[in-house]
Protein backbone atom coordinates (compact mmCIF):
# COMPACT_ATOMS: atom_id res chain seq x y z
CA MET A 1 -30.98 -15.19 -28.44
CA VAL A 2 -30.88 -17.55 -25.46
CA LYS A 3 -27.59 -19.01 -26.73
CA HIS A 4 -26.04 -15.52 -26.85
CA LEU A 5 -27.31 -14.74 -23.32
CA ILE A 6 -25.87 -18.00 -21.96
CA VAL A 7 -22.52 -17.28 -23.62
CA ALA A 8 -22.56 -13.77 -22.14
CA CYS A 9 -23.35 -15.10 -18.66
CA LEU A 10 -20.60 -17.71 -18.87
CA THR A 11 -18.15 -15.04 -20.02
CA ILE A 12 -19.09 -12.87 -17.05
CA GLY A 13 -18.66 -15.91 -14.79
CA MET A 14 -15.18 -16.54 -16.10
CA ALA A 15 -14.31 -12.91 -15.42
CA GLY A 16 -14.69 -13.59 -11.71
CA ILE A 17 -18.17 -12.81 -10.42
CA PRO A 18 -17.85 -12.53 -6.66
CA PRO A 19 -19.50 -15.21 -4.47
CA PRO A 20 -21.98 -16.29 -3.16
CA ALA A 21 -24.29 -17.21 -6.02
CA ALA A 22 -21.77 -17.33 -8.86
CA ALA A 23 -21.28 -21.10 -8.77
CA ALA A 24 -24.08 -21.77 -11.22
CA ASN A 25 -24.59 -18.99 -13.76
CA CYS A 26 -27.80 -20.17 -15.49
CA GLY A 27 -30.58 -22.61 -14.83
CA PRO A 28 -34.32 -23.04 -14.46
CA ARG A 29 -35.66 -20.09 -12.46
CA GLU A 30 -37.26 -22.32 -9.82
CA ALA A 31 -33.92 -24.06 -9.12
CA VAL A 32 -31.95 -20.78 -9.01
CA ILE A 33 -34.50 -19.16 -6.68
CA GLU A 34 -34.57 -22.19 -4.37
CA LYS A 35 -30.78 -22.04 -4.03
CA LEU A 36 -30.85 -18.29 -3.28
CA LYS A 37 -33.48 -18.87 -0.59
CA SER A 38 -32.09 -22.02 1.02
CA LYS A 39 -28.32 -21.51 0.77
CA TYR A 40 -28.02 -17.72 0.99
CA ALA A 41 -31.26 -16.71 2.82
CA GLU A 42 -31.98 -14.21 0.06
CA HIS A 43 -35.42 -12.90 -0.81
CA PHE A 44 -36.79 -10.91 -3.73
CA THR A 45 -35.95 -7.24 -3.19
CA ALA A 46 -36.63 -5.42 -6.48
CA GLY A 47 -37.11 -6.00 -10.16
CA GLY A 48 -38.19 -4.65 -13.48
CA LEU A 49 -38.76 -5.39 -17.14
CA GLN A 50 -35.82 -4.91 -19.50
CA THR A 51 -36.88 -4.53 -23.11
CA THR A 52 -34.64 -4.57 -26.19
CA ARG A 53 -35.65 -4.56 -29.85
CA THR A 54 -35.71 -8.34 -29.96
CA SER A 55 -36.62 -9.57 -26.48
CA GLN A 56 -37.74 -8.88 -22.94
CA THR A 57 -36.15 -10.10 -19.74
CA ILE A 58 -36.92 -9.56 -16.08
CA VAL A 59 -34.14 -8.04 -13.97
CA GLU A 60 -34.38 -9.30 -10.39
CA ILE A 61 -32.42 -8.31 -7.30
CA TRP A 62 -32.39 -10.81 -4.43
CA SER A 63 -30.77 -9.94 -1.10
CA SER A 64 -30.44 -11.00 2.52
CA PRO A 65 -30.39 -8.55 5.43
CA ASP A 66 -29.03 -11.39 7.60
CA THR A 67 -26.01 -12.31 5.48
CA GLY A 68 -25.57 -9.05 3.52
CA THR A 69 -25.36 -10.97 0.24
CA PHE A 70 -27.13 -10.02 -2.97
CA THR A 71 -27.65 -11.53 -6.41
CA VAL A 72 -28.78 -9.91 -9.68
CA LEU A 73 -30.63 -12.21 -12.09
CA LEU A 74 -31.81 -11.88 -15.66
CA THR A 75 -34.79 -14.14 -16.29
CA ASN A 76 -35.86 -14.95 -19.85
CA PRO A 77 -39.46 -15.66 -20.95
CA ASN A 78 -38.51 -19.36 -21.33
CA GLY A 79 -37.90 -19.59 -17.55
CA VAL A 80 -34.09 -19.60 -17.60
CA SER A 81 -32.47 -17.32 -15.03
CA CYS A 82 -28.83 -16.23 -15.24
CA VAL A 83 -26.76 -14.72 -12.46
CA VAL A 84 -25.17 -11.54 -13.80
CA ALA A 85 -23.79 -10.18 -10.53
CA ALA A 86 -23.45 -11.24 -6.91
CA GLY A 87 -21.74 -9.80 -3.89
CA THR A 88 -21.70 -8.86 -0.24
CA ASP A 89 -22.42 -5.85 1.96
CA PHE A 90 -25.82 -5.15 0.38
CA PHE A 91 -27.61 -2.01 1.51
CA GLU A 92 -30.81 -0.30 0.49
CA GLY A 93 -30.48 3.25 -0.77
CA SER A 94 -32.40 6.31 0.22
CA GLU A 95 -32.17 9.92 -0.71
CA ILE A 96 -29.61 11.87 1.26
CA SER A 97 -31.05 14.97 2.90
CA PRO A 98 -29.06 18.17 2.47
CA VAL A 99 -27.04 19.13 5.49
CA GLU A 100 -27.79 22.57 6.89
CA GLY A 101 -24.92 24.90 7.44
CA THR A 102 -22.47 27.15 5.67
CA ALA A 103 -20.92 25.94 2.44
CA SER A 104 -17.15 25.49 2.49
């Protein structure tokens, strides 16, 4: 399973994941997290458990309000994290309140 995930991550990387964190697609979680913190000033923003029939992974979103960058990681139970998306202009969502007035 890990081999398939690594191949998938490398394929995504070759498809042109946007910077900043796309330089190294997979590695030990501690090393990936250290790079996100030190090089991109990102911190853990959100996450959740992704379960399939054969495995579980943690989906993590790291972001920086200072730089506007974000990184999405998949972390396997064996401690390997893979970057599956990265980009710029990160924002946190909130529900949009309805605007009062007459419909057009």
